[in-house]
Amino acid sequence: PILITTEEEFLKIDQDENAYYRLENDLDFDNLEGAYATIFPTASKEFKGELDGNNKTIKNIKIDKGTTYSGIFGRNSGVIKNLKLDNIDVKYEKTQTYSRYAGLLVGRNVGTIENVEVNGKMTLAFTTTLEVNLGGLVGTLESGGKIIDSKVNFTVEMLKPESSSSYRNNINLGGAVGKLDKSKMENVKATVDFNILNSGIANIGGLVGKTNSDDYVVMIEKAEVTAKINVETATLTATNNQEIETVVGGAVGLVLGSKFRNIYVDADIEITKPFNNKPRDVKSSSFYLGGLIGKANNLRLEESLVKGDINIIDKEERENID
């Protein structure tokens, strides 16, 4: 293997995307100046080799530049294993600054992630009508991809961009995975704290934002989720005929064809109903909420348990509480 002993050596992984790498030391990116630049941030190249973290820790990474694929790695089709990530801080705070696929570890993954532990946060304040996939481990887990024996502690705050007179979003947000597409997760634990301002489409789950499959293959098996999810739905756009949909599940927001087995969820979900600065701007506003699943089409569920609370309050009540 190629041995990695310094932060500078780690950043050179993109020089050989097919190699076998092994960490020999903990890495602290506070030792380097400036924000971290995602490795493999575009569709032209991806990590295809193997990174053995050797149970070492990478910490203090700050990402504030939006690229199509964003994370420690933008794209991965190889193997990442035995790794700990601590204090990963992602910020997209300008109107045009965001990534279509963003995870603390990988933006878009078709490879294998095994025995990885992640602790980090995202602060989001951008506007777009394009689908954006956001996850504590990976943004999108695609066909053939796997996450095994891993856990994540993930905090997200999503706000209105200060420089924008309008605000729209279309997000799939999950504690581990934003969008799970014909792929599999097994023995994954997620602890999340989400505070989201939704002014568009939002599929939010403590584990996965949205799943997609053509059949009933097992996509999630053996998972534990502890989730605190707060969503305020607001109309903050100058565009008429705005459609707002909020889908929130303690484990998974939106399910389109999947099979889940052995999931345990402890979730507290609070939704603040929409308030309209200009009522004519809103074509429709809908909510789908569940302690386990927010909204499902073609789901098979086995041996699962959920507990917690769901509260729905209106804007005026929220202001009185505050």
C-alpha atoms as a PDB file:
ATOM      1  CA  PRO A   1       0.000   0.000   0.000  1.00  0.00           C
ATOM      2  CA  ILE A   2       0.864   3.668  -0.324  1.00  0.00           C
ATOM      3  CA  LEU A   3       1.300   4.917   3.234  1.00  0.00           C
ATOM      4  CA  ILE A   4      -0.200   8.296   4.168  1.00  0.00           C
ATOM      5  CA  THR A   5       1.434  10.062   7.091  1.00  0.00           C
ATOM      6  CA  THR A   6       0.612  13.755   6.491  1.00  0.00           C
ATOM      7  CA  GLU A   7      -2.253  15.961   5.340  1.00  0.00           C
ATOM      8  CA  GLU A   8      -0.277  16.900   2.227  1.00  0.00           C
ATOM      9  CA  GLU A   9       0.093  13.253   1.261  1.00  0.00           C
ATOM     10  CA  PHE A  10      -3.635  12.686   1.698  1.00  0.00           C
ATOM     11  CA  LEU A  11      -4.429  15.498  -0.733  1.00  0.00           C
ATOM     12  CA  LYS A  12      -2.340  13.737  -3.403  1.00  0.00           C
ATOM     13  CA  ILE A  13      -4.703  10.741  -3.586  1.00  0.00           C
ATOM     14  CA  ASP A  14      -6.141  12.126  -6.817  1.00  0.00           C
ATOM     15  CA  GLN A  15      -2.773  11.550  -8.507  1.00  0.00           C
ATOM     16  CA  ASP A  16      -3.528   7.812  -8.611  1.00  0.00           C
ATOM     17  CA  GLU A  17      -7.212   7.027  -8.231  1.00  0.00           C
ATOM     18  CA  ASN A  18      -6.650   3.249  -8.553  1.00  0.00           C
ATOM     19  CA  ALA A  19      -4.082   2.766  -5.784  1.00  0.00           C
ATOM     20  CA  TYR A  20      -4.354   1.122  -2.360  1.00  0.00           C
ATOM     21  CA  TYR A  21      -3.762   3.684   0.419  1.00  0.00           C
ATOM     22  CA  ARG A  22      -3.403   3.234   4.174  1.00  0.00           C
ATOM     23  CA  LEU A  23      -3.368   5.922   6.856  1.00  0.00           C
ATOM     24  CA  GLU A  24      -0.478   5.633   9.278  1.00  0.00           C
ATOM     25  CA  ASN A  25      -1.291   8.691  11.430  1.00  0.00           C
ATOM     26  CA  ASP A  26      -4.242  10.781  12.541  1.00  0.00           C
ATOM     27  CA  LEU A  27      -4.615  13.819  10.274  1.00  0.00           C
ATOM     28  CA  ASP A  28      -5.571  17.290  11.505  1.00  0.00           C
ATOM     29  CA  PHE A  29      -6.460  19.736   8.732  1.00  0.00           C
ATOM     30  CA  ASP A  30      -6.231  22.655  11.143  1.00  0.00           C
ATOM     31  CA  ASN A  31      -2.561  22.304  10.325  1.00  0.00           C
ATOM     32  CA  LEU A  32      -3.253  23.587   6.792  1.00  0.00           C
ATOM     33  CA  GLU A  33      -4.433  27.069   5.830  1.00  0.00           C
ATOM     34  CA  GLY A  34      -7.717  27.677   4.024  1.00  0.00           C
ATOM     35  CA  ALA A  35     -10.739  25.526   3.293  1.00  0.00           C
ATOM     36  CA  TYR A  36     -10.470  21.921   2.138  1.00  0.00           C
ATOM     37  CA  ALA A  37     -10.871  21.305  -1.612  1.00  0.00           C
ATOM     38  CA  THR A  38     -12.939  18.216  -2.448  1.00  0.00           C
ATOM     39  CA  ILE A  39     -10.937  15.403  -4.060  1.00  0.00           C
ATOM     40  CA  PHE A  40     -12.566  14.156  -7.303  1.00  0.00           C
ATOM     41  CA  PRO A  41     -15.145  17.001  -7.479  1.00  0.00           C
ATOM     42  CA  THR A  42     -16.323  16.467 -11.077  1.00  0.00           C
ATOM     43  CA  ALA A  43     -17.641  13.664 -13.296  1.00  0.00           C
ATOM     44  CA  SER A  44     -14.315  13.358 -15.133  1.00  0.00           C
ATOM     45  CA  LYS A  45     -12.620  11.308 -12.416  1.00  0.00           C
ATOM     46  CA  GLU A  46     -13.453   9.232  -9.332  1.00  0.00           C
ATOM     47  CA  PHE A  47     -11.719   7.246  -6.622  1.00  0.00           C
ATOM     48  CA  LYS A  48     -11.538   3.581  -7.743  1.00  0.00           C
ATOM     49  CA  GLY A  49      -8.928   2.215  -5.363  1.00  0.00           C
ATOM     50  CA  GLU A  50      -8.974   1.372  -1.655  1.00  0.00           C
ATOM     51  CA  LEU A  51      -8.459   3.624   1.336  1.00  0.00           C
ATOM     52  CA  ASP A  52      -7.841   1.799   4.611  1.00  0.00           C
ATOM     53  CA  GLY A  53      -8.148   4.332   7.404  1.00  0.00           C
ATOM     54  CA  ASN A  54      -6.413   1.876   9.733  1.00  0.00           C
ATOM     55  CA  ASN A  55      -8.761   3.132  12.490  1.00  0.00           C
ATOM     56  CA  LYS A  56      -7.118   6.556  12.355  1.00  0.00           C
ATOM     57  CA  THR A  57      -8.974   9.881  12.563  1.00  0.00           C
ATOM     58  CA  ILE A  58      -9.188  12.719  10.047  1.00  0.00           C
ATOM     59  CA  LYS A  59     -10.444  15.894  11.714  1.00  0.00           C
ATOM     60  CA  ASN A  60     -11.120  19.616  11.355  1.00  0.00           C
ATOM     61  CA  ILE A  61     -12.019  19.749   7.669  1.00  0.00           C
ATOM     62  CA  LYS A  62     -13.918  22.802   6.421  1.00  0.00           C
ATOM     63  CA  ILE A  63     -15.629  22.794   3.011  1.00  0.00           C
ATOM     64  CA  ASP A  64     -17.237  25.980   1.737  1.00  0.00           C
ATOM     65  CA  LYS A  65     -16.916  25.715  -2.042  1.00  0.00           C
ATOM     66  CA  GLY A  66     -19.812  24.256  -3.968  1.00  0.00           C
ATOM     67  CA  THR A  67     -18.815  21.684  -6.595  1.00  0.00           C
ATOM     68  CA  THR A  68     -21.099  19.230  -8.399  1.00  0.00           C
ATOM     69  CA  TYR A  69     -19.850  16.432  -6.119  1.00  0.00           C
ATOM     70  CA  SER A  70     -18.745  17.488  -2.651  1.00  0.00           C
ATOM     71  CA  GLY A  71     -17.263  15.870   0.454  1.00  0.00           C
ATOM     72  CA  ILE A  72     -13.894  14.493   1.473  1.00  0.00           C
ATOM     73  CA  PHE A  73     -14.249  12.688  -1.847  1.00  0.00           C
ATOM     74  CA  GLY A  74     -16.614  13.936  -4.532  1.00  0.00           C
ATOM     75  CA  ARG A  75     -17.035  10.562  -6.268  1.00  0.00           C
ATOM     76  CA  ASN A  76     -16.162   7.041  -5.117  1.00  0.00           C
ATOM     77  CA  SER A  77     -16.468   3.641  -6.779  1.00  0.00           C
ATOM     78  CA  GLY A  78     -13.735   2.007  -4.703  1.00  0.00           C
ATOM     79  CA  VAL A  79     -13.500   0.970  -1.046  1.00  0.00           C
ATOM     80  CA  ILE A  80     -13.242   3.284   1.971  1.00  0.00           C
ATOM     81  CA  LYS A  81     -12.964   1.494   5.313  1.00  0.00           C
ATOM     82  CA  ASN A  82     -11.807   1.631   8.951  1.00  0.00           C
ATOM     83  CA  LEU A  83     -11.891   5.420   9.097  1.00  0.00           C
ATOM     84  CA  LYS A  84     -13.034   8.074  11.564  1.00  0.00           C
ATOM     85  CA  LEU A  85     -13.967  11.632  10.582  1.00  0.00           C
ATOM     86  CA  ASP A  86     -14.391  14.272  13.272  1.00  0.00           C
ATOM     87  CA  ASN A  87     -15.509  17.918  13.075  1.00  0.00           C
ATOM     88  CA  ILE A  88     -16.313  17.994   9.357  1.00  0.00           C
ATOM     89  CA  ASP A  89     -17.872  21.400   8.676  1.00  0.00           C
ATOM     90  CA  VAL A  90     -19.645  22.063   5.359  1.00  0.00           C
ATOM     91  CA  LYS A  91     -21.062  25.503   4.535  1.00  0.00           C
ATOM     92  CA  TYR A  92     -22.951  26.621   1.437  1.00  0.00           C
ATOM     93  CA  GLU A  93     -24.137  30.105   2.340  1.00  0.00           C
ATOM     94  CA  LYS A  94     -24.515  32.057  -0.892  1.00  0.00           C
ATOM     95  CA  THR A  95     -27.336  31.948  -3.408  1.00  0.00           C
ATOM     96  CA  GLN A  96     -25.345  30.100  -6.067  1.00  0.00           C
ATOM     97  CA  THR A  97     -23.065  28.121  -3.733  1.00  0.00           C
ATOM     98  CA  TYR A  98     -24.160  24.519  -3.307  1.00  0.00           C
ATOM     99  CA  SER A  99     -23.458  20.977  -4.535  1.00  0.00           C
ATOM    100  CA  ARG A 100     -25.887  18.627  -6.276  1.00  0.00           C
ATOM    101  CA  TYR A 101     -24.394  15.684  -4.373  1.00  0.00           C
ATOM    102  CA  ALA A 102     -22.926  16.471  -0.949  1.00  0.00           C
ATOM    103  CA  GLY A 103     -21.892  14.179   1.887  1.00  0.00           C
ATOM    104  CA  LEU A 104     -19.455  14.651   4.715  1.00  0.00           C
ATOM    105  CA  LEU A 105     -17.495  11.678   3.339  1.00  0.00           C
ATOM    106  CA  VAL A 106     -18.581  11.224  -0.311  1.00  0.00           C
ATOM    107  CA  GLY A 107     -20.836  13.187  -2.625  1.00  0.00           C
ATOM    108  CA  ARG A 108     -21.805  10.382  -5.030  1.00  0.00           C
ATOM    109  CA  ASN A 109     -20.962   6.789  -4.108  1.00  0.00           C
ATOM    110  CA  VAL A 110     -21.214   3.522  -6.057  1.00  0.00           C
ATOM    111  CA  GLY A 111     -18.442   1.839  -4.067  1.00  0.00           C
ATOM    112  CA  THR A 112     -18.232   0.309  -0.596  1.00  0.00           C
ATOM    113  CA  ILE A 113     -18.012   2.204   2.682  1.00  0.00           C
ATOM    114  CA  GLU A 114     -17.332  -0.022   5.668  1.00  0.00           C
ATOM    115  CA  ASN A 115     -16.610   0.606   9.349  1.00  0.00           C
ATOM    116  CA  VAL A 116     -16.627   4.389   9.017  1.00  0.00           C
ATOM    117  CA  GLU A 117     -17.600   6.837  11.755  1.00  0.00           C
ATOM    118  CA  VAL A 118     -18.467  10.461  10.933  1.00  0.00           C
ATOM    119  CA  ASN A 119     -19.144  13.473  13.159  1.00  0.00           C
ATOM    120  CA  GLY A 120     -19.966  16.748  11.444  1.00  0.00           C
ATOM    121  CA  LYS A 121     -22.413  19.401  10.318  1.00  0.00           C
ATOM    122  CA  MET A 122     -23.784  21.318   7.336  1.00  0.00           C
ATOM    123  CA  THR A 123     -24.937  24.921   7.231  1.00  0.00           C
ATOM    124  CA  LEU A 124     -27.025  25.579   4.121  1.00  0.00           C
ATOM    125  CA  ALA A 125     -28.334  28.830   2.668  1.00  0.00           C
ATOM    126  CA  PHE A 126     -28.766  28.527  -1.091  1.00  0.00           C
ATOM    127  CA  THR A 127     -31.640  28.618  -3.567  1.00  0.00           C
ATOM    128  CA  THR A 128     -32.259  26.246  -6.501  1.00  0.00           C
ATOM    129  CA  THR A 129     -35.023  24.245  -8.171  1.00  0.00           C
ATOM    130  CA  LEU A 130     -32.591  21.419  -9.050  1.00  0.00           C
ATOM    131  CA  GLU A 131     -32.641  18.256  -6.941  1.00  0.00           C
ATOM    132  CA  VAL A 132     -29.900  18.358  -4.286  1.00  0.00           C
ATOM    133  CA  ASN A 133     -28.916  15.231  -2.311  1.00  0.00           C
ATOM    134  CA  LEU A 134     -27.396  15.761   1.137  1.00  0.00           C
ATOM    135  CA  GLY A 135     -26.221  13.138   3.629  1.00  0.00           C
ATOM    136  CA  GLY A 136     -24.111  12.685   6.720  1.00  0.00           C
ATOM    137  CA  LEU A 137     -22.090   9.933   5.038  1.00  0.00           C
ATOM    138  CA  VAL A 138     -22.896  10.313   1.333  1.00  0.00           C
ATOM    139  CA  GLY A 139     -25.132  12.529  -0.759  1.00  0.00           C
ATOM    140  CA  THR A 140     -26.238   9.754  -3.131  1.00  0.00           C
ATOM    141  CA  LEU A 141     -25.687   5.999  -2.760  1.00  0.00           C
ATOM    142  CA  GLU A 142     -26.235   4.535  -6.216  1.00  0.00           C
ATOM    143  CA  SER A 143     -26.694   1.112  -7.797  1.00  0.00           C
ATOM    144  CA  GLY A 144     -24.095  -1.335  -6.514  1.00  0.00           C
ATOM    145  CA  GLY A 145     -23.019   0.925  -3.669  1.00  0.00           C
ATOM    146  CA  LYS A 146     -22.954  -0.272  -0.053  1.00  0.00           C
ATOM    147  CA  ILE A 147     -22.593   1.202   3.418  1.00  0.00           C
ATOM    148  CA  ILE A 148     -21.807  -1.385   6.096  1.00  0.00           C
ATOM    149  CA  ASP A 149     -21.122  -1.236   9.867  1.00  0.00           C
ATOM    150  CA  SER A 150     -20.941   2.563  10.008  1.00  0.00           C
ATOM    151  CA  LYS A 151     -22.313   5.380  12.118  1.00  0.00           C
ATOM    152  CA  VAL A 152     -22.837   9.126  11.849  1.00  0.00           C
ATOM    153  CA  ASN A 153     -23.573  12.077  14.121  1.00  0.00           C
ATOM    154  CA  PHE A 154     -24.916  14.814  11.863  1.00  0.00           C
ATOM    155  CA  THR A 155     -26.263  18.337  12.444  1.00  0.00           C
ATOM    156  CA  VAL A 156     -27.882  20.429   9.695  1.00  0.00           C
ATOM    157  CA  GLU A 157     -29.185  23.996   9.660  1.00  0.00           C
ATOM    158  CA  MET A 158     -30.863  25.244   6.492  1.00  0.00           C
ATOM    159  CA  LEU A 159     -31.663  28.962   6.234  1.00  0.00           C
ATOM    160  CA  LYS A 160     -32.784  31.543   3.720  1.00  0.00           C
ATOM    161  CA  PRO A 161     -29.871  33.089   1.758  1.00  0.00           C
ATOM    162  CA  GLU A 162     -29.254  36.611   2.998  1.00  0.00           C
ATOM    163  CA  SER A 163     -28.568  37.972  -0.484  1.00  0.00           C
ATOM    164  CA  SER A 164     -31.672  36.497  -2.118  1.00  0.00           C
ATOM    165  CA  SER A 165     -35.131  38.091  -2.377  1.00  0.00           C
ATOM    166  CA  SER A 166     -36.579  34.657  -3.169  1.00  0.00           C
ATOM    167  CA  TYR A 167     -35.872  31.196  -1.832  1.00  0.00           C
ATOM    168  CA  ARG A 168     -36.594  27.796  -3.386  1.00  0.00           C
ATOM    169  CA  ASN A 169     -35.242  24.349  -2.634  1.00  0.00           C
ATOM    170  CA  ASN A 170     -35.558  20.744  -3.783  1.00  0.00           C
ATOM    171  CA  ILE A 171     -33.677  18.544  -1.319  1.00  0.00           C
ATOM    172  CA  ASN A 172     -33.290  14.940  -0.257  1.00  0.00           C
ATOM    173  CA  LEU A 173     -31.688  15.074   3.197  1.00  0.00           C
ATOM    174  CA  GLY A 174     -30.767  12.059   5.306  1.00  0.00           C
ATOM    175  CA  GLY A 175     -28.728  11.424   8.412  1.00  0.00           C
ATOM    176  CA  ALA A 176     -26.594   8.889   6.539  1.00  0.00           C
ATOM    177  CA  VAL A 177     -27.682   9.185   2.877  1.00  0.00           C
ATOM    178  CA  GLY A 178     -29.568  11.859   0.981  1.00  0.00           C
ATOM    179  CA  LYS A 179     -30.795   9.565  -1.812  1.00  0.00           C
ATOM    180  CA  LEU A 180     -30.574   5.754  -1.725  1.00  0.00           C
ATOM    181  CA  ASP A 181     -30.911   4.478  -5.295  1.00  0.00           C
ATOM    182  CA  LYS A 182     -30.948   0.688  -5.843  1.00  0.00           C
ATOM    183  CA  SER A 183     -28.207   0.187  -3.279  1.00  0.00           C
ATOM    184  CA  LYS A 184     -27.858  -1.161   0.268  1.00  0.00           C
ATOM    185  CA  MET A 185     -27.159  -0.117   3.841  1.00  0.00           C
ATOM    186  CA  GLU A 186     -26.543  -2.631   6.602  1.00  0.00           C
ATOM    187  CA  ASN A 187     -25.892  -2.091  10.315  1.00  0.00           C
ATOM    188  CA  VAL A 188     -25.862   1.705  10.219  1.00  0.00           C
ATOM    189  CA  LYS A 189     -26.474   4.048  13.152  1.00  0.00           C
ATOM    190  CA  ALA A 190     -27.437   7.712  12.780  1.00  0.00           C
ATOM    191  CA  THR A 191     -27.916  10.466  15.351  1.00  0.00           C
ATOM    192  CA  VAL A 192     -29.216  13.677  13.797  1.00  0.00           C
ATOM    193  CA  ASP A 193     -30.358  17.182  14.674  1.00  0.00           C
ATOM    194  CA  PHE A 194     -31.998  18.988  11.718  1.00  0.00           C
ATOM    195  CA  ASN A 195     -33.389  22.544  11.638  1.00  0.00           C
ATOM    196  CA  ILE A 196     -34.752  23.203   8.153  1.00  0.00           C
ATOM    197  CA  LEU A 197     -36.520  26.105   6.459  1.00  0.00           C
ATOM    198  CA  ASN A 198     -38.388  24.586   3.516  1.00  0.00           C
ATOM    199  CA  SER A 199     -39.721  26.664   0.652  1.00  0.00           C
ATOM    200  CA  GLY A 200     -40.071  24.001  -2.021  1.00  0.00           C
ATOM    201  CA  ILE A 201     -39.664  20.220  -2.038  1.00  0.00           C
ATOM    202  CA  ALA A 202     -38.034  18.576   0.981  1.00  0.00           C
ATOM    203  CA  ASN A 203     -37.718  14.816   1.577  1.00  0.00           C
ATOM    204  CA  ILE A 204     -36.112  14.446   4.999  1.00  0.00           C
ATOM    205  CA  GLY A 205     -35.275  11.351   7.035  1.00  0.00           C
ATOM    206  CA  GLY A 206     -33.205  10.602  10.101  1.00  0.00           C
ATOM    207  CA  LEU A 207     -31.421   7.912   8.087  1.00  0.00           C
ATOM    208  CA  VAL A 208     -32.281   8.498   4.398  1.00  0.00           C
ATOM    209  CA  GLY A 209     -34.061  11.346   2.632  1.00  0.00           C
ATOM    210  CA  LYS A 210     -35.386   9.359  -0.353  1.00  0.00           C
ATOM    211  CA  THR A 211     -35.155   5.758  -1.572  1.00  0.00           C
ATOM    212  CA  ASN A 212     -35.710   4.600  -5.125  1.00  0.00           C
ATOM    213  CA  SER A 213     -35.978   1.033  -6.444  1.00  0.00           C
ATOM    214  CA  ASP A 214     -37.895  -0.881  -9.101  1.00  0.00           C
ATOM    215  CA  ASP A 215     -38.574  -3.888  -6.877  1.00  0.00           C
ATOM    216  CA  TYR A 216     -38.648  -5.050  -3.275  1.00  0.00           C
ATOM    217  CA  VAL A 217     -34.941  -5.687  -2.761  1.00  0.00           C
ATOM    218  CA  VAL A 218     -33.694  -5.176   0.788  1.00  0.00           C
ATOM    219  CA  MET A 219     -32.150  -1.708   0.794  1.00  0.00           C
ATOM    220  CA  ILE A 220     -31.879  -1.060   4.531  1.00  0.00           C
ATOM    221  CA  GLU A 221     -31.204  -3.828   7.039  1.00  0.00           C
ATOM    222  CA  LYS A 222     -30.420  -3.359  10.714  1.00  0.00           C
ATOM    223  CA  ALA A 223     -30.384   0.356  11.424  1.00  0.00           C
ATOM    224  CA  GLU A 224     -30.729   2.530  14.523  1.00  0.00           C
ATOM    225  CA  VAL A 225     -31.817   6.150  14.327  1.00  0.00           C
ATOM    226  CA  THR A 226     -32.077   8.862  16.961  1.00  0.00           C
ATOM    227  CA  ALA A 227     -33.523  11.950  15.313  1.00  0.00           C
ATOM    228  CA  LYS A 228     -34.575  15.458  16.242  1.00  0.00           C
ATOM    229  CA  ILE A 229     -36.096  17.108  13.167  1.00  0.00           C
ATOM    230  CA  ASN A 230     -37.589  20.608  13.059  1.00  0.00           C
ATOM    231  CA  VAL A 231     -39.004  21.958   9.795  1.00  0.00           C
ATOM    232  CA  GLU A 232     -40.549  25.361   9.200  1.00  0.00           C
ATOM    233  CA  THR A 233     -42.364  25.688   5.893  1.00  0.00           C
ATOM    234  CA  ALA A 234     -42.424  29.191   4.472  1.00  0.00           C
ATOM    235  CA  THR A 235     -43.216  30.958   1.209  1.00  0.00           C
ATOM    236  CA  LEU A 236     -40.331  33.240   0.468  1.00  0.00           C
ATOM    237  CA  THR A 237     -40.406  33.517  -3.307  1.00  0.00           C
ATOM    238  CA  ALA A 238     -41.584  36.057  -5.826  1.00  0.00           C
ATOM    239  CA  THR A 239     -42.648  33.282  -8.221  1.00  0.00           C
ATOM    240  CA  ASN A 240     -46.355  32.566  -8.568  1.00  0.00           C
ATOM    241  CA  ASN A 241     -47.828  29.036  -8.431  1.00  0.00           C
ATOM    242  CA  GLN A 242     -45.245  27.774  -5.997  1.00  0.00           C
ATOM    243  CA  GLU A 243     -45.685  24.161  -4.852  1.00  0.00           C
ATOM    244  CA  ILE A 244     -44.452  23.243  -1.384  1.00  0.00           C
ATOM    245  CA  GLU A 245     -44.171  19.640  -0.191  1.00  0.00           C
ATOM    246  CA  THR A 246     -42.692  18.584   3.131  1.00  0.00           C
ATOM    247  CA  VAL A 247     -42.050  14.852   3.610  1.00  0.00           C
ATOM    248  CA  VAL A 248     -40.478  13.850   6.929  1.00  0.00           C
ATOM    249  CA  GLY A 249     -39.861  10.409   8.421  1.00  0.00           C
ATOM    250  CA  GLY A 250     -37.938   9.412  11.506  1.00  0.00           C
ATOM    251  CA  ALA A 251     -36.011   6.907   9.360  1.00  0.00           C
ATOM    252  CA  VAL A 252     -36.847   7.695   5.716  1.00  0.00           C
ATOM    253  CA  GLY A 253     -38.676  10.627   4.167  1.00  0.00           C
ATOM    254  CA  LEU A 254     -39.922   9.389   0.750  1.00  0.00           C
ATOM    255  CA  VAL A 255     -39.939   5.703  -0.231  1.00  0.00           C
ATOM    256  CA  LEU A 256     -40.374   4.623  -3.855  1.00  0.00           C
ATOM    257  CA  GLY A 257     -40.145   0.847  -3.943  1.00  0.00           C
ATOM    258  CA  SER A 258     -38.023  -0.692  -1.158  1.00  0.00           C
ATOM    259  CA  LYS A 259     -37.791  -3.352   1.524  1.00  0.00           C
ATOM    260  CA  PHE A 260     -36.574  -2.530   5.034  1.00  0.00           C
ATOM    261  CA  ARG A 261     -35.806  -4.951   7.829  1.00  0.00           C
ATOM    262  CA  ASN A 262     -34.939  -4.504  11.504  1.00  0.00           C
ATOM    263  CA  ILE A 263     -35.039  -0.733  11.908  1.00  0.00           C
ATOM    264  CA  TYR A 264     -35.280   0.998  15.283  1.00  0.00           C
ATOM    265  CA  VAL A 265     -36.188   4.692  15.445  1.00  0.00           C
ATOM    266  CA  ASP A 266     -36.487   7.192  18.292  1.00  0.00           C
ATOM    267  CA  ALA A 267     -37.668  10.424  16.667  1.00  0.00           C
ATOM    268  CA  ASP A 268     -38.978  13.817  17.742  1.00  0.00           C
ATOM    269  CA  ILE A 269     -40.427  15.685  14.776  1.00  0.00           C
ATOM    270  CA  GLU A 270     -41.810  19.209  14.861  1.00  0.00           C
ATOM    271  CA  ILE A 271     -43.389  20.965  11.904  1.00  0.00           C
ATOM    272  CA  THR A 272     -44.294  24.646  11.777  1.00  0.00           C
ATOM    273  CA  LYS A 273     -47.142  25.126   9.303  1.00  0.00           C
ATOM    274  CA  PRO A 274     -46.630  27.542   6.410  1.00  0.00           C
ATOM    275  CA  PHE A 275     -47.181  31.227   6.647  1.00  0.00           C
ATOM    276  CA  ASN A 276     -47.823  33.274   3.502  1.00  0.00           C
ATOM    277  CA  ASN A 277     -46.353  36.674   2.861  1.00  0.00           C
ATOM    278  CA  LYS A 278     -48.243  36.568  -0.431  1.00  0.00           C
ATOM    279  CA  PRO A 279     -50.917  33.847  -0.371  1.00  0.00           C
ATOM    280  CA  ARG A 280     -51.371  33.998  -4.127  1.00  0.00           C
ATOM    281  CA  ASP A 281     -47.819  32.703  -4.578  1.00  0.00           C
ATOM    282  CA  VAL A 282     -48.676  29.238  -3.229  1.00  0.00           C
ATOM    283  CA  LYS A 283     -50.288  26.783  -5.627  1.00  0.00           C
ATOM    284  CA  SER A 284     -50.302  23.949  -3.086  1.00  0.00           C
ATOM    285  CA  SER A 285     -48.804  23.031   0.263  1.00  0.00           C
ATOM    286  CA  SER A 286     -48.755  19.449   1.569  1.00  0.00           C
ATOM    287  CA  PHE A 287     -47.283  17.493   4.462  1.00  0.00           C
ATOM    288  CA  TYR A 288     -46.454  13.790   4.834  1.00  0.00           C
ATOM    289  CA  LEU A 289     -45.157  12.907   8.289  1.00  0.00           C
ATOM    290  CA  GLY A 290     -44.365   9.645  10.038  1.00  0.00           C
ATOM    291  CA  GLY A 291     -42.316   8.392  12.954  1.00  0.00           C
ATOM    292  CA  LEU A 292     -40.737   5.787  10.672  1.00  0.00           C
ATOM    293  CA  ILE A 293     -41.617   6.730   7.048  1.00  0.00           C
ATOM    294  CA  GLY A 294     -42.963  10.039   5.777  1.00  0.00           C
ATOM    295  CA  LYS A 295     -44.529   8.866   2.503  1.00  0.00           C
ATOM    296  CA  ALA A 296     -44.319   5.459   0.806  1.00  0.00           C
ATOM    297  CA  ASN A 297     -45.154   3.806  -2.493  1.00  0.00           C
ATOM    298  CA  ASN A 298     -44.433   0.049  -2.714  1.00  0.00           C
ATOM    299  CA  LEU A 299     -42.781  -0.631   0.638  1.00  0.00           C
ATOM    300  CA  ARG A 300     -42.262  -3.875   2.517  1.00  0.00           C
ATOM    301  CA  LEU A 301     -41.311  -3.499   6.168  1.00  0.00           C
ATOM    302  CA  GLU A 302     -40.223  -6.219   8.601  1.00  0.00           C
ATOM    303  CA  GLU A 303     -39.292  -6.333  12.288  1.00  0.00           C
ATOM    304  CA  SER A 304     -39.118  -2.613  12.956  1.00  0.00           C
ATOM    305  CA  LEU A 305     -39.978  -0.382  15.907  1.00  0.00           C
ATOM    306  CA  VAL A 306     -40.550   3.346  16.311  1.00  0.00           C
ATOM    307  CA  LYS A 307     -41.135   5.661  19.257  1.00  0.00           C
ATOM    308  CA  GLY A 308     -41.193   9.413  19.727  1.00  0.00           C
ATOM    309  CA  ASP A 309     -43.417  12.433  19.088  1.00  0.00           C
ATOM    310  CA  ILE A 310     -44.760  14.394  16.123  1.00  0.00           C
ATOM    311  CA  ASN A 311     -45.974  17.946  16.730  1.00  0.00           C
ATOM    312  CA  ILE A 312     -47.560  20.306  14.214  1.00  0.00           C
ATOM    313  CA  ILE A 313     -47.957  23.947  15.125  1.00  0.00           C
ATOM    314  CA  ASP A 314     -48.831  27.081  13.177  1.00  0.00           C
ATOM    315  CA  LYS A 315     -46.639  30.128  12.715  1.00  0.00           C
ATOM    316  CA  GLU A 316     -48.552  32.303  15.164  1.00  0.00           C
ATOM    317  CA  GLU A 317     -48.310  29.678  17.884  1.00  0.00           C
ATOM    318  CA  ARG A 318     -44.572  29.375  17.279  1.00  0.00           C
ATOM    319  CA  GLU A 319     -44.093  33.135  17.655  1.00  0.00           C
ATOM    320  CA  ASN A 320     -46.005  33.076  20.949  1.00  0.00           C
ATOM    321  CA  ILE A 321     -43.836  30.231  22.224  1.00  0.00           C
ATOM    322  CA  ASP A 322     -40.659  32.053  21.258  1.00  0.00           C
END
